[in-house]
Amino acid sequence: MTKATVSLQAINDVKDFVNIVMKYEFDIDLVSGRYAVDAKSIMGIFSLDLSKPIELNAHTDDADKFMKDIEKYIVK
């Protein structure tokens, strides 16, 4: 599993992020506090508190290309 912290501030960020995530077969979760949602679900993402960074869990061992694709959303 690959973990990162992401920030999705605007509606367009969420739409672009979901479009990127949909390209990948493996499961990707977003975790905020005690809530975890499927990163491929726009409605699920909007149910989270987007004012804070969100933990991303990609359920794959080969996430190099994926991490490059979402690089602009990763909090460093």
Protein backbone atom coordinates (compact mmCIF):
# COMPACT_ATOMS: atom_id res chain seq x y z
CA MET A 1 0.00 0.00 0.00
CA THR A 2 1.18 3.50 -0.84
CA LYS A 3 0.24 6.45 1.38
CA ALA A 4 0.30 10.20 0.78
CA THR A 5 -1.42 13.33 2.04
CA VAL A 6 -3.41 15.34 -0.50
CA SER A 7 -5.20 18.67 -0.54
CA LEU A 8 -8.30 19.27 -2.68
CA GLN A 9 -9.29 22.91 -2.23
CA ALA A 10 -11.63 23.70 -5.15
CA ILE A 11 -14.46 21.91 -6.96
CA ASN A 12 -12.30 21.72 -10.10
CA ASP A 13 -9.51 20.09 -8.06
CA VAL A 14 -11.91 17.34 -6.98
CA LYS A 15 -13.19 16.76 -10.54
CA ASP A 16 -9.67 16.63 -11.99
CA PHE A 17 -8.46 14.36 -9.15
CA VAL A 18 -11.34 11.90 -9.70
CA ASN A 19 -10.67 11.84 -13.46
CA ILE A 20 -7.04 10.90 -12.76
CA VAL A 21 -7.94 8.27 -10.14
CA MET A 22 -10.52 6.62 -12.42
CA LYS A 23 -7.73 5.57 -14.83
CA TYR A 24 -6.33 3.10 -12.29
CA GLU A 25 -7.67 -0.38 -11.56
CA PHE A 26 -6.52 -0.64 -7.93
CA ASP A 27 -8.53 0.63 -4.96
CA ILE A 28 -7.76 4.12 -3.67
CA ASP A 29 -9.22 5.44 -0.42
CA LEU A 30 -9.30 8.91 1.08
CA VAL A 31 -9.33 9.08 4.89
CA SER A 32 -10.31 12.13 6.91
CA GLY A 33 -10.61 11.57 10.65
CA ARG A 34 -12.67 8.45 11.12
CA TYR A 35 -14.25 8.58 7.65
CA ALA A 36 -12.90 6.68 4.66
CA VAL A 37 -14.33 7.04 1.16
CA ASP A 38 -13.56 5.66 -2.29
CA ALA A 39 -11.37 8.21 -4.11
CA LYS A 40 -13.27 7.41 -7.33
CA SER A 41 -16.50 8.82 -5.84
CA ILE A 42 -17.08 12.55 -6.27
CA MET A 43 -19.97 12.48 -3.79
CA GLY A 44 -17.83 10.59 -1.29
CA ILE A 45 -15.03 13.14 -1.54
CA PHE A 46 -17.45 16.04 -1.04
CA SER A 47 -18.67 14.37 2.16
CA LEU A 48 -15.18 14.89 3.66
CA ASP A 49 -13.83 18.03 5.31
CA LEU A 50 -11.85 19.47 2.38
CA SER A 51 -10.49 22.38 4.42
CA LYS A 52 -7.82 20.06 5.83
CA PRO A 53 -5.33 17.75 4.09
CA ILE A 54 -6.66 14.24 3.46
CA GLU A 55 -4.79 10.95 3.78
CA LEU A 56 -4.67 8.90 0.57
CA ASN A 57 -4.20 5.11 0.61
CA ALA A 58 -3.50 3.46 -2.76
CA HIS A 59 -3.81 -0.32 -2.50
CA THR A 60 -0.94 -1.22 -4.82
CA ASP A 61 2.79 -1.73 -4.58
CA ASP A 62 3.48 -0.16 -7.99
CA ALA A 63 2.16 3.39 -7.62
CA ASP A 64 5.00 5.36 -9.24
CA LYS A 65 2.99 6.54 -12.28
CA PHE A 66 -0.07 7.21 -10.13
CA MET A 67 1.92 9.33 -7.68
CA LYS A 68 3.36 11.35 -10.57
CA ASP A 69 -0.15 11.93 -11.97
CA ILE A 70 -1.46 13.32 -8.66
CA GLU A 71 1.74 15.16 -7.73
CA LYS A 72 0.11 18.61 -7.82
CA TYR A 73 -2.35 17.56 -5.08
CA ILE A 74 0.23 16.00 -2.74
CA VAL A 75 1.05 18.00 0.38
CA LYS A 76 4.79 17.97 0.99
